[in-house]
Amino acid sequence: SIAKSIARAVRFRGGGLRFVKALGFEVKEKGCVQVSMNLTDYAKTPLFRAFEMVKREAERFGINITGSEIVGLVPSQALVDTAEYYLRLENFSSNQLLEHRLAQLERGGMEDYVDEVASGTPTPGGGSVAALSGALGVALVGMVLRATIGKRKFKDYAEELKQVLGEADTLREEFLGMVKEDSDAFQSVLLAYKTGEEERIESSLKLACLVPLRVLDRAIAGLKLAHVTAEKGNPNAITDVGCGALQLNAAARGAIYNVRVNLASLKDQAFRQDKSSIIQKAKEPLDQLNRAIEAAVESRLSR
C-alpha cells in the first residue's frame, strides 16, 4: 500500500532518516492510510524533518496529509523546534514561552517544595502534600492512558479511554490548585487564632475543612479512573496504574485526617455532623475501589 511505501522510505532500516522507525497501514474506519513513526532521538532527527519527508513522499503518490497526532508524551523542546522551523523564528528560546516562565515562577522546583515541607513551618503541611499526592496519582493514570490510546490492540476501548484521559487531566489541574489552597486555608486559621475573634476562627476552620473534603472527593474520582485504566489500559504499564492508585489513596486518607482535626476544633455541631457523615460515607467506596484496583493490578501482573 501507499502508507507502507512511504514508511519504508522514511525509516532508517529502509535507507531513510537515521533515528526513525516507521510502519504504514490502512485505517478502514476513517477511510485513509496512516504512517506511524517513532522518533528515537528527536534532537538528531527533528519532528519537522520526519513530517516533511512523509509529506514529500505522499506528494509523489498524488496524496495529501489530512492530519497528524502525537500519541503519548512528547518533549516540549521537540514542539518548540517544530514551531521555530515552520514559523522561521530567529533567536527564539523556550524561556520565551509564557507557561514555561509562569511554571518556574509560581511552582518552583520539586526540590524547593520538599525543602519547604521539611522546614518546620506549619505550611505546607499534610493537607498540601495530600493534594500533591492526588496530582501525582492522576498524572500516572494519564501517562498509562497515553501509552494505551492509539495502539491497535486497544482500539475497542479507544473512545472510552480518551474520555477517561480528559477527566484525568482535569483532575490533575484541580489537585495542583489545591496544593496551594490548602496551605492558604491553614494560614488563615493561624491568623484567625492570633486575632482571638471567635467568628473568624470558626469561619477559617470551616474553610480548612472544605479544601481537604474536595481533595477526598477528587481522589475517589481519580481512583475510579485508575480502576478503568487498570482493567483496560496497556498491561506493560500496569505497575504505573498501581502506583498512581496508591498515591490517590494516600491523598484520600490524608484528606480525611485533615478534615477530622479541623472539625474537632469547631463549635458548629451541625457542620461537624454533616462533614463527619461525608467522611463516613466515603470510606466504603474508597475501600472498595482500592481492593478492586489491587485485584486488577495483581491479576495482570501475574499473567
C-alpha atoms as a PDB file:
ATOM      1  CA  SER A   1       0.000   0.000   0.000  1.00  0.00           C
ATOM      2  CA  ILE A   2       0.982   3.666  -0.278  1.00  0.00           C
ATOM      3  CA  ALA A   3       1.420   4.002   3.500  1.00  0.00           C
ATOM      4  CA  LYS A   4       3.802   1.050   3.597  1.00  0.00           C
ATOM      5  CA  SER A   5       5.836   2.501   0.718  1.00  0.00           C
ATOM      6  CA  ILE A   6       6.112   5.846   2.498  1.00  0.00           C
ATOM      7  CA  ALA A   7       7.066   4.162   5.781  1.00  0.00           C
ATOM      8  CA  ARG A   8       9.806   2.158   4.020  1.00  0.00           C
ATOM      9  CA  ALA A   9      11.240   5.337   2.514  1.00  0.00           C
ATOM     10  CA  VAL A  10      11.176   7.256   5.802  1.00  0.00           C
ATOM     11  CA  ARG A  11      12.546   4.706   8.269  1.00  0.00           C
ATOM     12  CA  PHE A  12      16.271   4.228   8.749  1.00  0.00           C
ATOM     13  CA  ARG A  13      16.120   0.497   8.015  1.00  0.00           C
ATOM     14  CA  GLY A  14      14.869   1.310   4.520  1.00  0.00           C
ATOM     15  CA  GLY A  15      17.528   3.945   3.870  1.00  0.00           C
ATOM     16  CA  GLY A  16      15.602   6.872   5.312  1.00  0.00           C
ATOM     17  CA  LEU A  17      16.112   9.074   8.355  1.00  0.00           C
ATOM     18  CA  ARG A  18      18.627   7.899  10.958  1.00  0.00           C
ATOM     19  CA  PHE A  19      16.543   7.899  14.148  1.00  0.00           C
ATOM     20  CA  VAL A  20      13.149   6.957  12.739  1.00  0.00           C
ATOM     21  CA  LYS A  21      11.165   3.736  12.932  1.00  0.00           C
ATOM     22  CA  ALA A  22       8.006   3.692  10.811  1.00  0.00           C
ATOM     23  CA  LEU A  23       5.068   1.494   9.851  1.00  0.00           C
ATOM     24  CA  GLY A  24       2.329   2.044   7.299  1.00  0.00           C
ATOM     25  CA  PHE A  25      -1.189   0.655   7.499  1.00  0.00           C
ATOM     26  CA  GLU A  26      -4.777   1.260   6.456  1.00  0.00           C
ATOM     27  CA  VAL A  27      -7.317   2.826   8.830  1.00  0.00           C
ATOM     28  CA  LYS A  28     -10.539   1.469   7.349  1.00  0.00           C
ATOM     29  CA  GLU A  29     -12.951   3.190   9.740  1.00  0.00           C
ATOM     30  CA  LYS A  30     -11.554   6.593   8.696  1.00  0.00           C
ATOM     31  CA  GLY A  31     -11.135   5.706   5.027  1.00  0.00           C
ATOM     32  CA  CYS A  32      -7.459   6.622   4.952  1.00  0.00           C
ATOM     33  CA  VAL A  33      -3.959   5.258   5.402  1.00  0.00           C
ATOM     34  CA  GLN A  34      -1.560   6.114   8.210  1.00  0.00           C
ATOM     35  CA  VAL A  35       2.180   6.308   8.668  1.00  0.00           C
ATOM     36  CA  SER A  36       3.094   5.741  12.315  1.00  0.00           C
ATOM     37  CA  MET A  37       6.567   6.893  13.363  1.00  0.00           C
ATOM     38  CA  ASN A  38       8.706   6.504  16.456  1.00  0.00           C
ATOM     39  CA  LEU A  39      11.493   9.096  16.712  1.00  0.00           C
ATOM     40  CA  THR A  40      14.205   7.641  18.924  1.00  0.00           C
ATOM     41  CA  ASP A  41      16.293  10.847  19.039  1.00  0.00           C
ATOM     42  CA  TYR A  42      14.289  13.993  18.266  1.00  0.00           C
ATOM     43  CA  ALA A  43      17.386  16.212  18.614  1.00  0.00           C
ATOM     44  CA  LYS A  44      19.238  14.449  15.772  1.00  0.00           C
ATOM     45  CA  THR A  45      16.180  13.713  13.634  1.00  0.00           C
ATOM     46  CA  PRO A  46      13.721  16.516  14.428  1.00  0.00           C
ATOM     47  CA  LEU A  47       9.971  16.072  14.321  1.00  0.00           C
ATOM     48  CA  PHE A  48       9.569  18.581  11.490  1.00  0.00           C
ATOM     49  CA  ARG A  49      12.146  16.786   9.319  1.00  0.00           C
ATOM     50  CA  ALA A  50      10.334  13.465   9.640  1.00  0.00           C
ATOM     51  CA  PHE A  51       6.996  15.165   8.918  1.00  0.00           C
ATOM     52  CA  GLU A  52       8.390  16.922   5.840  1.00  0.00           C
ATOM     53  CA  MET A  53       9.772  13.674   4.437  1.00  0.00           C
ATOM     54  CA  VAL A  54       6.420  11.919   4.844  1.00  0.00           C
ATOM     55  CA  LYS A  55       4.773  14.900   3.145  1.00  0.00           C
ATOM     56  CA  ARG A  56       7.174  14.769   0.181  1.00  0.00           C
ATOM     57  CA  GLU A  57       6.774  11.013  -0.229  1.00  0.00           C
ATOM     58  CA  ALA A  58       2.975  11.350  -0.099  1.00  0.00           C
ATOM     59  CA  GLU A  59       3.063  14.036  -2.806  1.00  0.00           C
ATOM     60  CA  ARG A  60       4.885  11.578  -5.086  1.00  0.00           C
ATOM     61  CA  PHE A  61       1.750   9.440  -4.977  1.00  0.00           C
ATOM     62  CA  GLY A  62      -0.517  12.439  -5.500  1.00  0.00           C
ATOM     63  CA  ILE A  63      -1.984  12.427  -1.998  1.00  0.00           C
ATOM     64  CA  ASN A  64      -2.048  14.970   0.820  1.00  0.00           C
ATOM     65  CA  ILE A  65      -1.603  14.698   4.575  1.00  0.00           C
ATOM     66  CA  THR A  66      -5.004  15.306   6.181  1.00  0.00           C
ATOM     67  CA  GLY A  67      -3.812  15.413   9.780  1.00  0.00           C
ATOM     68  CA  SER A  68      -1.335  14.235  12.366  1.00  0.00           C
ATOM     69  CA  GLU A  69      -1.406  13.260  16.023  1.00  0.00           C
ATOM     70  CA  ILE A  70       1.007  12.696  18.876  1.00  0.00           C
ATOM     71  CA  VAL A  71       0.417   9.559  20.927  1.00  0.00           C
ATOM     72  CA  GLY A  72       1.785   9.595  24.466  1.00  0.00           C
ATOM     73  CA  LEU A  73       4.157  12.206  25.844  1.00  0.00           C
ATOM     74  CA  VAL A  74       6.432  14.461  23.818  1.00  0.00           C
ATOM     75  CA  PRO A  75       9.366  16.640  24.946  1.00  0.00           C
ATOM     76  CA  SER A  76       8.346  20.307  24.790  1.00  0.00           C
ATOM     77  CA  GLN A  77      11.607  21.108  23.009  1.00  0.00           C
ATOM     78  CA  ALA A  78      10.539  18.926  20.067  1.00  0.00           C
ATOM     79  CA  LEU A  79       7.461  21.130  19.612  1.00  0.00           C
ATOM     80  CA  VAL A  80       9.484  24.319  20.102  1.00  0.00           C
ATOM     81  CA  ASP A  81      11.895  23.165  17.373  1.00  0.00           C
ATOM     82  CA  THR A  82       8.950  22.445  15.066  1.00  0.00           C
ATOM     83  CA  ALA A  83       7.415  25.884  15.673  1.00  0.00           C
ATOM     84  CA  GLU A  84      10.805  27.508  15.126  1.00  0.00           C
ATOM     85  CA  TYR A  85      11.195  25.692  11.793  1.00  0.00           C
ATOM     86  CA  TYR A  86       7.759  26.437  10.357  1.00  0.00           C
ATOM     87  CA  LEU A  87       7.481  29.999  11.702  1.00  0.00           C
ATOM     88  CA  ARG A  88      11.137  30.747  10.816  1.00  0.00           C
ATOM     89  CA  LEU A  89      11.730  32.214  14.251  1.00  0.00           C
ATOM     90  CA  GLU A  90      15.046  33.923  14.887  1.00  0.00           C
ATOM     91  CA  ASN A  91      16.924  33.804  18.216  1.00  0.00           C
ATOM     92  CA  PHE A  92      13.987  32.070  19.908  1.00  0.00           C
ATOM     93  CA  SER A  93      14.335  30.425  23.330  1.00  0.00           C
ATOM     94  CA  SER A  94      11.933  28.136  25.210  1.00  0.00           C
ATOM     95  CA  ASN A  95      12.219  30.645  28.085  1.00  0.00           C
ATOM     96  CA  GLN A  96      10.030  32.938  25.976  1.00  0.00           C
ATOM     97  CA  LEU A  97       7.103  30.552  26.455  1.00  0.00           C
ATOM     98  CA  LEU A  98       4.675  32.182  28.892  1.00  0.00           C
ATOM     99  CA  GLU A  99       3.568  28.914  30.522  1.00  0.00           C
ATOM    100  CA  HIS A 100       7.180  27.836  30.940  1.00  0.00           C
ATOM    101  CA  ARG A 101       8.116  31.017  32.790  1.00  0.00           C
ATOM    102  CA  LEU A 102       4.941  31.049  34.896  1.00  0.00           C
ATOM    103  CA  ALA A 103       5.521  27.460  35.954  1.00  0.00           C
ATOM    104  CA  GLN A 104       9.044  28.367  37.054  1.00  0.00           C
ATOM    105  CA  LEU A 105       7.853  31.417  38.989  1.00  0.00           C
ATOM    106  CA  GLU A 106       4.692  30.001  40.564  1.00  0.00           C
ATOM    107  CA  ARG A 107       5.506  26.392  41.321  1.00  0.00           C
ATOM    108  CA  GLY A 108       9.236  26.417  41.765  1.00  0.00           C
ATOM    109  CA  GLY A 109      11.158  23.166  41.626  1.00  0.00           C
ATOM    110  CA  MET A 110      10.160  19.946  43.337  1.00  0.00           C
ATOM    111  CA  GLU A 111      13.278  20.171  45.480  1.00  0.00           C
ATOM    112  CA  ASP A 112      12.226  23.629  46.730  1.00  0.00           C
ATOM    113  CA  TYR A 113       8.776  22.342  47.647  1.00  0.00           C
ATOM    114  CA  VAL A 114      10.144  19.312  49.519  1.00  0.00           C
ATOM    115  CA  ASP A 115      12.582  21.555  51.403  1.00  0.00           C
ATOM    116  CA  GLU A 116       9.674  23.837  52.322  1.00  0.00           C
ATOM    117  CA  VAL A 117       7.656  20.886  53.663  1.00  0.00           C
ATOM    118  CA  ALA A 118      10.645  19.768  55.747  1.00  0.00           C
ATOM    119  CA  SER A 119      11.432  23.259  57.060  1.00  0.00           C
ATOM    120  CA  GLY A 120       9.416  23.020  60.281  1.00  0.00           C
ATOM    121  CA  THR A 121       6.956  25.790  59.385  1.00  0.00           C
ATOM    122  CA  PRO A 122       3.221  24.954  59.700  1.00  0.00           C
ATOM    123  CA  THR A 123       2.694  25.173  55.940  1.00  0.00           C
ATOM    124  CA  PRO A 124       2.876  23.463  53.548  1.00  0.00           C
ATOM    125  CA  GLY A 125       1.735  20.502  55.634  1.00  0.00           C
ATOM    126  CA  GLY A 126      -0.122  17.230  55.314  1.00  0.00           C
ATOM    127  CA  GLY A 127      -3.137  18.666  53.511  1.00  0.00           C
ATOM    128  CA  SER A 128      -0.997  20.268  50.835  1.00  0.00           C
ATOM    129  CA  VAL A 129       1.057  17.083  50.440  1.00  0.00           C
ATOM    130  CA  ALA A 130      -2.175  15.047  50.171  1.00  0.00           C
ATOM    131  CA  ALA A 131      -3.265  17.239  47.247  1.00  0.00           C
ATOM    132  CA  LEU A 132       0.135  16.780  45.595  1.00  0.00           C
ATOM    133  CA  SER A 133      -0.200  13.011  46.043  1.00  0.00           C
ATOM    134  CA  GLY A 134      -3.509  13.229  44.196  1.00  0.00           C
ATOM    135  CA  ALA A 135      -1.909  15.182  41.346  1.00  0.00           C
ATOM    136  CA  LEU A 136       0.883  12.618  41.022  1.00  0.00           C
ATOM    137  CA  GLY A 137      -1.638   9.779  41.155  1.00  0.00           C
ATOM    138  CA  VAL A 138      -3.788  11.026  38.278  1.00  0.00           C
ATOM    139  CA  ALA A 139      -0.637  12.038  36.377  1.00  0.00           C
ATOM    140  CA  LEU A 140       0.396   8.367  36.399  1.00  0.00           C
ATOM    141  CA  VAL A 141      -3.083   7.348  35.269  1.00  0.00           C
ATOM    142  CA  GLY A 142      -2.790   9.851  32.416  1.00  0.00           C
ATOM    143  CA  MET A 143       0.632   8.513  31.485  1.00  0.00           C
ATOM    144  CA  VAL A 144      -0.705   4.955  31.172  1.00  0.00           C
ATOM    145  CA  LEU A 145      -3.697   6.113  29.134  1.00  0.00           C
ATOM    146  CA  ARG A 146      -1.409   7.934  26.720  1.00  0.00           C
ATOM    147  CA  ALA A 147       0.636   4.746  26.406  1.00  0.00           C
ATOM    148  CA  THR A 148      -2.591   2.899  25.523  1.00  0.00           C
ATOM    149  CA  ILE A 149      -4.643   5.160  23.258  1.00  0.00           C
ATOM    150  CA  GLY A 150      -3.706   4.823  19.594  1.00  0.00           C
ATOM    151  CA  LYS A 151      -2.467   1.250  19.829  1.00  0.00           C
ATOM    152  CA  ARG A 152      -4.458  -1.154  17.664  1.00  0.00           C
ATOM    153  CA  LYS A 153      -4.863  -3.867  20.279  1.00  0.00           C
ATOM    154  CA  PHE A 154      -6.792  -1.411  22.491  1.00  0.00           C
ATOM    155  CA  LYS A 155      -8.931   0.118  19.727  1.00  0.00           C
ATOM    156  CA  ASP A 156     -12.170  -1.284  21.209  1.00  0.00           C
ATOM    157  CA  TYR A 157     -11.666   0.929  24.270  1.00  0.00           C
ATOM    158  CA  ALA A 158     -10.229   3.957  22.462  1.00  0.00           C
ATOM    159  CA  GLU A 159     -13.181   6.347  22.802  1.00  0.00           C
ATOM    160  CA  GLU A 160     -13.852   5.401  26.426  1.00  0.00           C
ATOM    161  CA  LEU A 161     -10.195   5.817  27.369  1.00  0.00           C
ATOM    162  CA  LYS A 162      -9.950   9.190  25.617  1.00  0.00           C
ATOM    163  CA  GLN A 163     -12.782  10.421  27.831  1.00  0.00           C
ATOM    164  CA  VAL A 164     -11.058   8.978  30.913  1.00  0.00           C
ATOM    165  CA  LEU A 165      -7.846  10.759  29.900  1.00  0.00           C
ATOM    166  CA  GLY A 166      -9.638  14.105  29.620  1.00  0.00           C
ATOM    167  CA  GLU A 167     -11.072  13.643  33.109  1.00  0.00           C
ATOM    168  CA  ALA A 168      -7.655  12.656  34.497  1.00  0.00           C
ATOM    169  CA  ASP A 169      -6.025  15.779  33.050  1.00  0.00           C
ATOM    170  CA  THR A 170      -8.756  17.979  34.542  1.00  0.00           C
ATOM    171  CA  LEU A 171      -8.336  16.333  37.947  1.00  0.00           C
ATOM    172  CA  ARG A 172      -4.582  16.843  37.824  1.00  0.00           C
ATOM    173  CA  GLU A 173      -5.017  20.593  37.407  1.00  0.00           C
ATOM    174  CA  GLU A 174      -7.555  20.681  40.249  1.00  0.00           C
ATOM    175  CA  PHE A 175      -5.200  18.839  42.591  1.00  0.00           C
ATOM    176  CA  LEU A 176      -2.325  21.174  41.740  1.00  0.00           C
ATOM    177  CA  GLY A 177      -4.517  24.154  42.581  1.00  0.00           C
ATOM    178  CA  MET A 178      -5.439  22.598  45.927  1.00  0.00           C
ATOM    179  CA  VAL A 179      -1.770  22.168  46.898  1.00  0.00           C
ATOM    180  CA  LYS A 180      -1.632  25.940  47.456  1.00  0.00           C
ATOM    181  CA  GLU A 181      -5.274  26.318  48.508  1.00  0.00           C
ATOM    182  CA  ASP A 182      -4.753  24.020  51.486  1.00  0.00           C
ATOM    183  CA  SER A 183      -1.689  25.953  52.665  1.00  0.00           C
ATOM    184  CA  ASP A 184      -3.549  29.250  52.275  1.00  0.00           C
ATOM    185  CA  ALA A 185      -6.541  27.891  54.223  1.00  0.00           C
ATOM    186  CA  PHE A 186      -4.366  26.804  57.138  1.00  0.00           C
ATOM    187  CA  GLN A 187      -2.537  30.134  57.147  1.00  0.00           C
ATOM    188  CA  SER A 188      -5.964  31.766  57.553  1.00  0.00           C
ATOM    189  CA  VAL A 189      -6.597  29.559  60.598  1.00  0.00           C
ATOM    190  CA  LEU A 190      -3.297  30.633  62.175  1.00  0.00           C
ATOM    191  CA  LEU A 191      -4.050  34.311  61.555  1.00  0.00           C
ATOM    192  CA  ALA A 192      -7.569  33.929  62.963  1.00  0.00           C
ATOM    193  CA  TYR A 193      -6.240  32.430  66.196  1.00  0.00           C
ATOM    194  CA  LYS A 194      -3.880  35.391  66.559  1.00  0.00           C
ATOM    195  CA  THR A 195      -6.835  37.795  66.495  1.00  0.00           C
ATOM    196  CA  GLY A 196      -8.757  35.741  69.057  1.00  0.00           C
ATOM    197  CA  GLU A 197     -12.037  36.506  67.241  1.00  0.00           C
ATOM    198  CA  GLU A 198     -14.355  33.507  67.653  1.00  0.00           C
ATOM    199  CA  GLU A 199     -16.327  34.171  64.485  1.00  0.00           C
ATOM    200  CA  ARG A 200     -13.191  34.480  62.380  1.00  0.00           C
ATOM    201  CA  ILE A 201     -11.677  31.328  63.900  1.00  0.00           C
ATOM    202  CA  GLU A 202     -14.857  29.360  63.210  1.00  0.00           C
ATOM    203  CA  SER A 203     -15.034  30.618  59.610  1.00  0.00           C
ATOM    204  CA  SER A 204     -11.364  29.823  58.889  1.00  0.00           C
ATOM    205  CA  LEU A 205     -11.680  26.318  60.364  1.00  0.00           C
ATOM    206  CA  LYS A 206     -14.659  25.608  58.118  1.00  0.00           C
ATOM    207  CA  LEU A 207     -12.655  26.663  55.070  1.00  0.00           C
ATOM    208  CA  ALA A 208      -9.779  24.465  56.267  1.00  0.00           C
ATOM    209  CA  CYS A 209     -12.247  21.537  56.266  1.00  0.00           C
ATOM    210  CA  LEU A 210     -13.701  22.255  52.833  1.00  0.00           C
ATOM    211  CA  VAL A 211     -10.411  22.107  50.913  1.00  0.00           C
ATOM    212  CA  PRO A 212      -9.419  18.585  52.075  1.00  0.00           C
ATOM    213  CA  LEU A 213     -13.033  17.456  51.573  1.00  0.00           C
ATOM    214  CA  ARG A 214     -12.606  18.431  47.919  1.00  0.00           C
ATOM    215  CA  VAL A 215      -9.293  16.558  47.840  1.00  0.00           C
ATOM    216  CA  LEU A 216     -11.125  13.492  49.190  1.00  0.00           C
ATOM    217  CA  ASP A 217     -13.885  13.803  46.588  1.00  0.00           C
ATOM    218  CA  ARG A 218     -11.406  14.229  43.704  1.00  0.00           C
ATOM    219  CA  ALA A 219      -9.225  11.380  44.981  1.00  0.00           C
ATOM    220  CA  ILE A 220     -12.195   8.994  44.824  1.00  0.00           C
ATOM    221  CA  ALA A 221     -12.963  10.278  41.314  1.00  0.00           C
ATOM    222  CA  GLY A 222      -9.311   9.654  40.403  1.00  0.00           C
ATOM    223  CA  LEU A 223      -9.465   6.112  41.793  1.00  0.00           C
ATOM    224  CA  LYS A 224     -12.467   5.394  39.564  1.00  0.00           C
ATOM    225  CA  LEU A 225     -10.374   6.443  36.565  1.00  0.00           C
ATOM    226  CA  ALA A 226      -7.473   4.327  37.833  1.00  0.00           C
ATOM    227  CA  HIS A 227      -9.815   1.319  38.094  1.00  0.00           C
ATOM    228  CA  VAL A 228     -10.882   1.631  34.440  1.00  0.00           C
ATOM    229  CA  THR A 229      -7.253   2.088  33.414  1.00  0.00           C
ATOM    230  CA  ALA A 230      -6.108  -0.918  35.456  1.00  0.00           C
ATOM    231  CA  GLU A 231      -8.644  -3.118  33.669  1.00  0.00           C
ATOM    232  CA  LYS A 232      -8.397  -1.765  30.112  1.00  0.00           C
ATOM    233  CA  GLY A 233      -5.069   0.051  29.884  1.00  0.00           C
ATOM    234  CA  ASN A 234      -1.743  -1.111  28.494  1.00  0.00           C
ATOM    235  CA  PRO A 235      -0.609  -4.061  30.669  1.00  0.00           C
ATOM    236  CA  ASN A 236       3.029  -3.072  30.095  1.00  0.00           C
ATOM    237  CA  ALA A 237       2.346  -0.083  32.363  1.00  0.00           C
ATOM    238  CA  ILE A 238       0.144  -1.840  34.936  1.00  0.00           C
ATOM    239  CA  THR A 239       2.559  -1.088  37.788  1.00  0.00           C
ATOM    240  CA  ASP A 240       2.270   2.626  36.996  1.00  0.00           C
ATOM    241  CA  VAL A 241      -1.507   2.400  37.427  1.00  0.00           C
ATOM    242  CA  GLY A 242      -0.924   0.612  40.736  1.00  0.00           C
ATOM    243  CA  CYS A 243       1.477   3.305  41.940  1.00  0.00           C
ATOM    244  CA  GLY A 244      -0.964   6.008  40.839  1.00  0.00           C
ATOM    245  CA  ALA A 245      -3.780   4.365  42.792  1.00  0.00           C
ATOM    246  CA  LEU A 246      -1.599   4.217  45.912  1.00  0.00           C
ATOM    247  CA  GLN A 247      -0.899   7.940  45.575  1.00  0.00           C
ATOM    248  CA  LEU A 248      -4.618   8.658  45.199  1.00  0.00           C
ATOM    249  CA  ASN A 249      -5.383   6.515  48.238  1.00  0.00           C
ATOM    250  CA  ALA A 250      -2.767   8.478  50.208  1.00  0.00           C
ATOM    251  CA  ALA A 251      -4.441  11.702  49.050  1.00  0.00           C
ATOM    252  CA  ALA A 252      -7.845  10.486  50.244  1.00  0.00           C
ATOM    253  CA  ARG A 253      -6.629   9.169  53.617  1.00  0.00           C
ATOM    254  CA  GLY A 254      -4.541  12.285  54.238  1.00  0.00           C
ATOM    255  CA  ALA A 255      -7.519  14.484  53.406  1.00  0.00           C
ATOM    256  CA  ILE A 256      -9.691  12.576  55.901  1.00  0.00           C
ATOM    257  CA  TYR A 257      -7.131  13.166  58.667  1.00  0.00           C
ATOM    258  CA  ASN A 258      -7.060  16.885  57.906  1.00  0.00           C
ATOM    259  CA  VAL A 259     -10.834  17.245  57.899  1.00  0.00           C
ATOM    260  CA  ARG A 260     -11.112  15.413  61.211  1.00  0.00           C
ATOM    261  CA  VAL A 261      -8.507  17.508  63.003  1.00  0.00           C
ATOM    262  CA  ASN A 262     -10.180  20.749  61.917  1.00  0.00           C
ATOM    263  CA  LEU A 263     -13.688  19.512  62.750  1.00  0.00           C
ATOM    264  CA  ALA A 264     -12.547  18.735  66.298  1.00  0.00           C
ATOM    265  CA  SER A 265     -11.937  22.446  66.947  1.00  0.00           C
ATOM    266  CA  LEU A 266     -15.268  23.649  65.560  1.00  0.00           C
ATOM    267  CA  LYS A 267     -18.222  24.649  67.719  1.00  0.00           C
ATOM    268  CA  ASP A 268     -20.837  24.405  64.955  1.00  0.00           C
ATOM    269  CA  GLN A 269     -22.285  20.954  65.706  1.00  0.00           C
ATOM    270  CA  ALA A 270     -24.451  20.814  62.571  1.00  0.00           C
ATOM    271  CA  PHE A 271     -21.412  21.496  60.374  1.00  0.00           C
ATOM    272  CA  ARG A 272     -19.375  18.889  62.251  1.00  0.00           C
ATOM    273  CA  GLN A 273     -22.034  16.211  61.888  1.00  0.00           C
ATOM    274  CA  ASP A 274     -22.590  16.947  58.202  1.00  0.00           C
ATOM    275  CA  LYS A 275     -18.891  16.752  57.277  1.00  0.00           C
ATOM    276  CA  SER A 276     -18.266  13.735  59.524  1.00  0.00           C
ATOM    277  CA  SER A 277     -21.106  11.983  57.700  1.00  0.00           C
ATOM    278  CA  ILE A 278     -19.462  12.744  54.337  1.00  0.00           C
ATOM    279  CA  ILE A 279     -16.224  11.158  55.559  1.00  0.00           C
ATOM    280  CA  GLN A 280     -18.001   8.044  56.816  1.00  0.00           C
ATOM    281  CA  LYS A 281     -19.891   7.619  53.541  1.00  0.00           C
ATOM    282  CA  ALA A 282     -16.651   7.982  51.569  1.00  0.00           C
ATOM    283  CA  LYS A 283     -14.823   5.192  53.393  1.00  0.00           C
ATOM    284  CA  GLU A 284     -16.740   2.266  51.892  1.00  0.00           C
ATOM    285  CA  PRO A 285     -16.343   3.249  48.193  1.00  0.00           C
ATOM    286  CA  LEU A 286     -12.736   4.178  48.950  1.00  0.00           C
ATOM    287  CA  ASP A 287     -12.013   0.713  50.341  1.00  0.00           C
ATOM    288  CA  GLN A 288     -13.912  -0.998  47.508  1.00  0.00           C
ATOM    289  CA  LEU A 289     -12.022   0.899  44.818  1.00  0.00           C
ATOM    290  CA  ASN A 290      -8.653   0.172  46.400  1.00  0.00           C
ATOM    291  CA  ARG A 291      -9.451  -3.542  46.629  1.00  0.00           C
ATOM    292  CA  ALA A 292     -10.712  -3.653  43.038  1.00  0.00           C
ATOM    293  CA  ILE A 293      -7.660  -1.840  41.674  1.00  0.00           C
ATOM    294  CA  GLU A 294      -5.262  -4.026  43.648  1.00  0.00           C
ATOM    295  CA  ALA A 295      -7.026  -7.144  42.318  1.00  0.00           C
ATOM    296  CA  ALA A 296      -6.821  -5.866  38.725  1.00  0.00           C
ATOM    297  CA  VAL A 297      -3.138  -4.963  39.076  1.00  0.00           C
ATOM    298  CA  GLU A 298      -2.240  -8.296  40.689  1.00  0.00           C
ATOM    299  CA  SER A 299      -4.212 -10.214  38.063  1.00  0.00           C
ATOM    300  CA  ARG A 300      -2.473  -8.544  35.121  1.00  0.00           C
ATOM    301  CA  LEU A 301       0.935  -8.701  36.802  1.00  0.00           C
ATOM    302  CA  SER A 302       0.710 -12.464  37.167  1.00  0.00           C
ATOM    303  CA  ARG A 303      -0.187 -13.182  33.521  1.00  0.00           C
END
